[in-house]
Amino acid sequence: GIADSASLLTETFSKNMAVLTLDRNYAQRRDRLKNSDGVSTTFAEGVESGVIKLIRGIVEGVTGVVRAPIKGAEKRGVEGFAKGIGKGLLGLLVKPVIGLSDAATDVMIGVKGSIKGTNRNNLPLSFQFQQIRPRRTFHGQDRTLHQYSIEDATAALLLERTRLAGEQYLSHCDMEDRVALFSVKRLLLLSVDGKELLLVKFKQIRDVEVREVLKDSSSIEWAVLIYLKTPRKNGNEVEVISCAEKNTAIDLSSKLERGFNLYHDSYLKAPDVC
């Protein structure tokens, strides 16, 4: 209904505004808090949650004026300090607006929950507990909408609960015993129980290759080899992701190369403002 459409519009507005703050840590922190806060199911809960987020936005804006110049100076000296002042002042203007938009989102969700809660009482029990599908996700840096896919929607929801939170969803690869999540900047490999197995930034990648490798002394397996521009702290220059089948390795490699190419087209041609 109207409440659902309004909440979707304000949520999209908030996410876009968070990107405009040029504060990646703030965007990731905001997404993590949003996921941990849960969903407002009544109007009263929506108002309460909305007030908290409004206050949080004001506090983030005020503290950012002090925090951003200090962090900038630590990284880039005088130049970083000057940029930090600009970023802090931008946050002072934008972050309270985001807080207000988040508050409006929660109120609308609360209104929707109250209406559905009232209507649900008149429905059979089987309908009262009907599962709600994950929300359609935006893809890539351009935030394009694709045909609805429950797999993509679920993967994007999972991405927001990892260290990739705050980065735009790009794609995923289901590897049966693992899942590879792709944001517009990084690859994250997770085990079936959610443990982080590997994190690779696209800007660290030199090349990608699919080939057979030795599994042990008597057998081989297909794998995706990620060649890095500089060695890891442990000395590794190549990350190897084993795959159960050749088709899985090809699919993973294709999505990794796509993310790598899009990253270079989108970010390396523009000055780094983060």
Protein backbone atom coordinates (compact mmCIF):
# COMPACT_ATOMS: atom_id res chain seq x y z
CA GLY A 1 0.00 0.00 0.00
CA ILE A 2 0.91 3.66 0.39
CA ALA A 3 2.91 3.05 3.58
CA ASP A 4 4.93 0.31 1.89
CA SER A 5 5.73 2.50 -1.14
CA ALA A 6 6.61 5.48 1.05
CA SER A 7 8.95 3.39 3.24
CA LEU A 8 10.69 2.03 0.14
CA LEU A 9 11.20 5.54 -1.27
CA THR A 10 12.59 6.97 1.98
CA GLU A 11 14.84 3.94 2.48
CA THR A 12 16.27 4.32 -1.04
CA PHE A 13 16.71 8.06 -0.47
CA SER A 14 18.61 7.39 2.79
CA LYS A 15 20.92 4.85 1.17
CA ASN A 16 21.76 7.21 -1.69
CA MET A 17 22.36 10.08 0.72
CA ALA A 18 24.67 7.86 2.82
CA VAL A 19 26.85 7.42 -0.27
CA LEU A 20 26.96 11.20 -0.75
CA THR A 21 28.49 11.68 2.72
CA LEU A 22 31.73 10.16 1.30
CA ASP A 23 32.04 8.35 4.64
CA ARG A 24 32.24 4.63 3.88
CA ASN A 25 32.58 3.66 7.55
CA TYR A 26 29.41 5.58 8.37
CA ALA A 27 27.48 3.85 5.56
CA GLN A 28 28.63 0.40 6.74
CA ARG A 29 27.90 1.24 10.40
CA ARG A 30 24.44 2.51 9.47
CA ASP A 31 23.63 -0.71 7.57
CA ARG A 32 24.83 -2.92 10.43
CA LEU A 33 22.73 -0.99 12.95
CA LYS A 34 19.72 -1.11 10.64
CA ASN A 35 19.97 -4.89 10.39
CA SER A 36 20.47 -5.37 14.15
CA ASP A 37 17.58 -3.06 15.11
CA GLY A 38 14.96 -5.38 13.62
CA VAL A 39 11.68 -4.40 11.97
CA SER A 40 9.03 -2.22 13.59
CA THR A 41 5.76 -4.16 13.78
CA THR A 42 3.52 -1.43 15.23
CA PHE A 43 3.10 2.33 14.84
CA ALA A 44 4.42 2.93 18.39
CA GLU A 45 7.53 0.86 17.72
CA GLY A 46 8.03 2.74 14.45
CA VAL A 47 7.90 6.12 16.18
CA GLU A 48 10.26 4.97 18.93
CA SER A 49 12.77 3.53 16.45
CA GLY A 50 12.44 6.61 14.24
CA VAL A 51 13.25 9.01 17.08
CA ILE A 52 16.34 6.96 17.95
CA LYS A 53 17.56 7.06 14.34
CA LEU A 54 16.91 10.79 14.06
CA ILE A 55 19.00 11.42 17.18
CA ARG A 56 21.66 9.03 15.89
CA GLY A 57 21.85 10.97 12.61
CA ILE A 58 22.31 14.30 14.42
CA VAL A 59 25.01 12.83 16.70
CA GLU A 60 26.83 11.28 13.72
CA GLY A 61 26.80 14.64 11.93
CA VAL A 62 28.13 16.61 14.90
CA THR A 63 30.85 14.12 15.90
CA GLY A 64 31.92 13.76 12.25
CA VAL A 65 32.95 17.42 12.15
CA VAL A 66 35.64 16.59 14.72
CA ARG A 67 36.40 12.99 13.76
CA ALA A 68 36.83 13.40 9.97
CA PRO A 69 39.65 16.03 10.07
CA ILE A 70 41.56 13.98 12.66
CA LYS A 71 41.31 10.79 10.61
CA GLY A 72 42.26 12.69 7.46
CA ALA A 73 45.33 14.20 9.13
CA GLU A 74 46.45 10.78 10.36
CA LYS A 75 46.30 9.37 6.82
CA ARG A 76 47.43 12.27 4.60
CA GLY A 77 48.71 15.08 6.80
CA VAL A 78 47.64 18.64 6.02
CA GLU A 79 45.87 17.64 2.80
CA GLY A 80 43.90 14.96 4.62
CA PHE A 81 43.02 17.41 7.39
CA ALA A 82 41.60 19.90 4.87
CA LYS A 83 39.60 17.20 3.10
CA GLY A 84 38.42 15.94 6.48
CA ILE A 85 37.01 19.36 7.31
CA GLY A 86 35.04 19.34 4.07
CA LYS A 87 33.81 15.81 4.64
CA GLY A 88 32.85 16.65 8.24
CA LEU A 89 30.87 19.72 7.21
CA LEU A 90 29.15 17.73 4.47
CA GLY A 91 28.22 15.09 7.03
CA LEU A 92 26.92 17.76 9.39
CA LEU A 93 24.41 18.76 6.72
CA VAL A 94 23.57 15.35 5.26
CA LYS A 95 23.61 12.90 8.19
CA PRO A 96 20.76 14.55 10.14
CA VAL A 97 18.71 14.47 6.92
CA ILE A 98 19.46 10.75 6.64
CA GLY A 99 18.39 10.33 10.26
CA LEU A 100 15.12 12.11 9.49
CA SER A 101 14.57 9.94 6.40
CA ASP A 102 15.34 6.76 8.40
CA ALA A 103 12.86 7.93 11.02
CA ALA A 104 10.18 8.39 8.36
CA THR A 105 10.96 4.93 7.00
CA ASP A 106 10.49 3.30 10.40
CA VAL A 107 7.24 5.17 11.03
CA MET A 108 5.87 4.03 7.64
CA ILE A 109 6.95 0.44 8.33
CA GLY A 110 5.26 0.69 11.73
CA VAL A 111 2.05 1.93 10.11
CA LYS A 112 2.21 -0.93 7.61
CA GLY A 113 2.79 -3.42 10.44
CA SER A 114 -0.16 -2.09 12.43
CA ILE A 115 -2.48 -2.31 9.42
CA LYS A 116 -1.33 -5.82 8.54
CA GLY A 117 -1.57 -6.88 12.16
CA THR A 118 -5.20 -5.76 12.25
CA ASN A 119 -6.05 -7.43 8.96
CA ARG A 120 -4.17 -10.60 9.85
CA ASN A 121 -6.48 -11.29 12.78
CA ASN A 122 -9.32 -11.86 10.31
CA LEU A 123 -7.34 -14.38 8.24
CA PRO A 124 -6.96 -18.15 8.69
CA LEU A 125 -4.00 -19.19 10.85
CA SER A 126 -2.07 -20.56 7.85
CA PHE A 127 -2.10 -17.10 6.22
CA GLN A 128 -1.07 -15.31 9.42
CA PHE A 129 2.33 -16.99 9.37
CA GLN A 130 2.92 -16.89 5.62
CA GLN A 131 6.58 -16.19 4.82
CA ILE A 132 7.39 -12.81 3.27
CA ARG A 133 9.92 -12.97 0.42
CA PRO A 134 13.13 -10.88 0.62
CA ARG A 135 12.90 -7.45 -0.98
CA ARG A 136 14.08 -6.93 -4.58
CA THR A 137 17.68 -5.74 -4.65
CA PHE A 138 19.55 -3.17 -6.71
CA HIS A 139 22.54 -4.41 -8.70
CA GLY A 140 25.90 -2.75 -9.22
CA GLN A 141 27.18 0.76 -8.90
CA ASP A 142 24.36 2.06 -11.11
CA ARG A 143 21.77 0.40 -8.83
CA THR A 144 19.88 -1.23 -11.71
CA LEU A 145 16.82 -3.40 -11.14
CA HIS A 146 16.76 -6.90 -12.62
CA GLN A 147 13.93 -9.40 -12.86
CA TYR A 148 13.14 -10.60 -9.33
CA SER A 149 15.28 -13.52 -8.16
CA ILE A 150 14.84 -15.06 -4.72
CA GLU A 151 18.49 -16.17 -4.85
CA ASP A 152 19.81 -12.64 -5.53
CA ALA A 153 17.47 -11.10 -2.96
CA THR A 154 18.62 -13.58 -0.29
CA ALA A 155 22.30 -13.12 -1.20
CA ALA A 156 21.97 -9.32 -1.00
CA LEU A 157 20.32 -9.66 2.41
CA LEU A 158 23.17 -11.91 3.54
CA LEU A 159 25.74 -9.42 2.23
CA GLU A 160 24.34 -6.72 4.52
CA ARG A 161 25.14 -8.95 7.53
CA THR A 162 28.82 -9.28 6.64
CA ARG A 163 31.77 -6.92 6.50
CA LEU A 164 30.57 -5.96 3.00
CA ALA A 165 27.62 -4.10 4.56
CA GLY A 166 27.27 -0.65 3.04
CA GLU A 167 28.69 -1.72 -0.33
CA GLN A 168 26.32 -2.21 -3.26
CA TYR A 169 25.44 -5.80 -4.14
CA LEU A 170 26.72 -7.04 -7.51
CA SER A 171 26.18 -10.82 -7.70
CA HIS A 172 26.85 -14.14 -5.98
CA CYS A 173 27.95 -17.68 -6.81
CA ASP A 174 26.44 -20.70 -5.07
CA MET A 175 29.20 -23.31 -4.66
CA GLU A 176 27.05 -25.82 -2.71
CA ASP A 177 29.39 -26.03 0.31
CA ARG A 178 30.24 -22.30 0.14
CA VAL A 179 28.86 -19.07 -1.28
CA ALA A 180 30.80 -16.25 -2.93
CA LEU A 181 29.33 -12.77 -2.44
CA PHE A 182 30.35 -9.95 -4.77
CA SER A 183 29.95 -6.30 -3.89
CA VAL A 184 31.04 -3.58 -6.31
CA LYS A 185 34.46 -3.54 -4.61
CA ARG A 186 35.21 -6.95 -3.08
CA LEU A 187 34.73 -10.70 -3.09
CA LEU A 188 33.81 -12.45 0.15
CA LEU A 189 33.79 -16.25 0.40
CA LEU A 190 31.61 -17.73 3.16
CA SER A 191 31.19 -21.25 4.49
CA VAL A 192 27.73 -22.78 4.92
CA ASP A 193 27.74 -21.71 8.58
CA GLY A 194 28.57 -18.09 7.70
CA LYS A 195 32.30 -18.18 8.52
CA GLU A 196 34.40 -15.81 6.42
CA LEU A 197 36.95 -17.86 4.47
CA LEU A 198 38.44 -15.31 2.08
CA LEU A 199 38.20 -11.59 1.35
CA VAL A 200 39.76 -10.08 -1.77
CA LYS A 201 39.56 -6.48 -2.97
CA PHE A 202 39.17 -6.08 -6.72
CA LYS A 203 41.93 -3.44 -6.69
CA GLN A 204 44.35 -6.09 -5.38
CA ILE A 205 43.75 -8.47 -8.30
CA ARG A 206 46.27 -8.77 -11.15
CA ASP A 207 44.76 -11.71 -13.02
CA VAL A 208 42.26 -14.59 -12.71
CA GLU A 209 42.65 -18.12 -14.10
CA VAL A 210 40.60 -21.34 -14.15
CA ARG A 211 42.57 -24.58 -14.22
CA GLU A 212 43.03 -28.00 -12.70
CA VAL A 213 45.25 -28.20 -9.62
CA LEU A 214 46.52 -31.01 -7.45
CA LYS A 215 44.11 -31.87 -4.65
CA ASP A 216 46.44 -34.44 -3.14
CA SER A 217 49.09 -36.84 -4.41
CA SER A 218 46.56 -38.94 -6.31
CA SER A 219 43.81 -36.61 -7.53
CA ILE A 220 43.15 -33.24 -9.13
CA GLU A 221 40.32 -30.70 -8.91
CA TRP A 222 39.15 -27.56 -10.65
CA ALA A 223 40.01 -24.25 -9.06
CA VAL A 224 39.98 -20.49 -9.59
CA LEU A 225 43.38 -18.88 -9.11
CA ILE A 226 43.46 -15.20 -8.13
CA TYR A 227 46.85 -13.60 -8.78
CA LEU A 228 47.49 -10.58 -6.55
CA LYS A 229 49.39 -7.41 -7.40
CA THR A 230 51.27 -7.51 -4.09
CA PRO A 231 51.83 -10.42 -1.67
CA ARG A 232 49.64 -10.81 1.41
CA LYS A 233 51.11 -10.38 4.88
CA ASN A 234 51.52 -14.16 5.01
CA GLY A 235 53.50 -14.07 1.76
CA ASN A 236 50.76 -15.47 -0.51
CA GLU A 237 50.78 -14.07 -4.04
CA VAL A 238 47.98 -16.34 -5.28
CA GLU A 239 44.63 -17.21 -3.67
CA VAL A 240 43.21 -20.58 -4.72
CA ILE A 241 39.46 -21.29 -4.53
CA SER A 242 38.76 -24.98 -5.10
CA CYS A 243 35.56 -25.98 -6.91
CA ALA A 244 33.67 -29.25 -7.04
CA GLU A 245 32.98 -28.94 -10.78
CA LYS A 246 34.46 -27.21 -13.81
CA ASN A 247 31.21 -25.31 -14.49
CA THR A 248 31.27 -23.87 -10.97
CA ALA A 249 34.85 -22.70 -11.44
CA ILE A 250 33.98 -21.06 -14.77
CA ASP A 251 30.92 -19.34 -13.27
CA LEU A 252 32.91 -18.06 -10.28
CA SER A 253 35.74 -16.84 -12.52
CA SER A 254 33.29 -15.09 -14.87
CA LYS A 255 31.60 -13.20 -12.04
CA LEU A 256 34.96 -12.33 -10.47
CA GLU A 257 36.29 -10.95 -13.76
CA ARG A 258 33.07 -8.97 -14.27
CA GLY A 259 33.41 -7.42 -10.81
CA PHE A 260 37.09 -6.68 -11.45
CA ASN A 261 36.37 -4.98 -14.79
CA LEU A 262 33.42 -2.95 -13.45
CA TYR A 263 35.49 -1.80 -10.49
CA HIS A 264 38.31 -0.59 -12.71
CA ASP A 265 35.87 1.18 -15.03
CA SER A 266 33.97 2.84 -12.17
CA TYR A 267 36.62 3.66 -9.58
CA LEU A 268 40.10 3.77 -11.08
CA LYS A 269 39.05 6.34 -13.70
CA ALA A 270 37.78 8.68 -10.99
CA PRO A 271 39.81 10.30 -8.16
CA ASP A 272 39.59 8.55 -4.77
CA VAL A 273 37.55 10.77 -2.45
CA CYS A 274 37.17 8.22 0.37
